[in-house]
Structure formats: C-alpha cells, structure tokens
C-alpha cells in the first residue's frame, strides 16, 4: 500500500469463446495485498484478442 491506496502491479486481459460461440472477456488485476482479483467479466464482445492478432498478422505481411 502506498498512501493508503492499493497498488495494482499487473492487469491480465483474457478473451475466449464459450460453448455457444459467444465471445467473452475477463479482466484481472494483481493487487499487492490480495493477489489476483477479478475486475470485470464482459459478455458478447465483438472482437477477441485472437481476432485482432490475426488481423495484425495479415496487415504486417509484405506484399510482392
């Protein structure tokens, strides 16, 4: 703790598809006194991190 406030040392963002093929997101913070804490669960997101990675790979390939 610094000045009575918790320190968030890291943030983890996960995206996944559930069994119904809905894309979801989960956010976790690592807080100095409590460890990993779930901050948010976000249903029905339009784009997953994997989708963004695939899009970036296509855009970064050199064209001949």
Protein backbone atom coordinates (compact mmCIF):
# COMPACT_ATOMS: atom_id res chain seq x y z
CA UNK A 1 0.00 0.00 0.00
CA UNK A 2 1.16 3.47 -0.84
CA UNK A 3 -0.53 6.45 0.85
CA UNK A 4 -3.45 4.22 1.89
CA UNK A 5 -4.13 3.05 -1.68
CA UNK A 6 -3.71 -0.44 -3.07
CA UNK A 7 -1.07 -0.97 -5.72
CA UNK A 8 -2.16 -2.69 -8.91
CA UNK A 9 1.01 -4.32 -10.18
CA UNK A 10 -0.35 -6.05 -13.28
CA UNK A 11 -3.51 -6.37 -15.38
CA UNK A 12 -4.44 -9.53 -17.26
CA UNK A 13 -6.99 -9.41 -20.08
CA UNK A 14 -8.39 -12.67 -21.43
CA UNK A 15 -10.81 -13.26 -24.27
CA UNK A 16 -12.45 -16.56 -25.12
CA UNK A 17 -15.39 -18.19 -26.89
CA UNK A 18 -17.91 -20.08 -24.77
CA UNK A 19 -19.62 -23.29 -25.88
CA UNK A 20 -22.28 -21.23 -27.67
CA UNK A 21 -19.56 -19.41 -29.67
CA UNK A 22 -20.17 -16.09 -27.87
CA UNK A 23 -17.01 -14.07 -27.35
CA UNK A 24 -16.35 -13.06 -23.75
CA UNK A 25 -13.69 -11.05 -21.94
CA UNK A 26 -12.35 -11.24 -18.40
CA UNK A 27 -10.12 -8.68 -16.67
CA UNK A 28 -7.98 -9.43 -13.62
CA UNK A 29 -5.75 -7.12 -11.58
CA UNK A 30 -2.87 -8.29 -9.41
CA UNK A 31 -3.21 -6.22 -6.24
CA UNK A 32 -0.27 -6.12 -3.84
CA UNK A 33 -2.19 -7.27 -0.73
CA UNK A 34 -4.74 -9.65 -2.25
CA UNK A 35 -3.21 -11.26 -5.35
CA UNK A 36 -5.33 -11.75 -8.48
CA UNK A 37 -8.78 -10.16 -8.33
CA UNK A 38 -11.46 -10.37 -11.00
CA UNK A 39 -12.27 -6.82 -12.09
CA UNK A 40 -14.76 -7.41 -14.91
CA UNK A 41 -16.49 -10.12 -16.91
CA UNK A 42 -17.73 -8.72 -20.22
CA UNK A 43 -20.17 -10.76 -22.32
CA UNK A 44 -20.70 -10.62 -26.09
CA UNK A 45 -17.66 -8.64 -27.18
CA UNK A 46 -17.44 -8.05 -30.96
CA UNK A 47 -13.73 -8.92 -31.40
CA UNK A 48 -11.42 -11.19 -29.42
CA UNK A 49 -7.70 -10.66 -28.89
CA UNK A 50 -7.10 -13.58 -31.25
CA UNK A 51 -9.15 -11.83 -33.96
CA UNK A 52 -7.06 -8.69 -33.52
CA UNK A 53 -3.84 -10.71 -33.69
CA UNK A 54 -4.92 -12.41 -36.93
CA UNK A 55 -5.86 -9.04 -38.44
CA UNK A 56 -2.48 -7.58 -37.47
CA UNK A 57 -0.65 -10.57 -39.00
CA UNK A 58 -2.44 -10.06 -42.32
CA UNK A 59 -1.66 -6.34 -42.32
CA UNK A 60 2.01 -6.79 -41.46
CA UNK A 61 2.86 -9.26 -44.27
CA UNK A 62 4.88 -7.73 -47.06
CA UNK A 63 3.14 -7.66 -50.43
CA UNK A 64 5.00 -8.62 -53.57
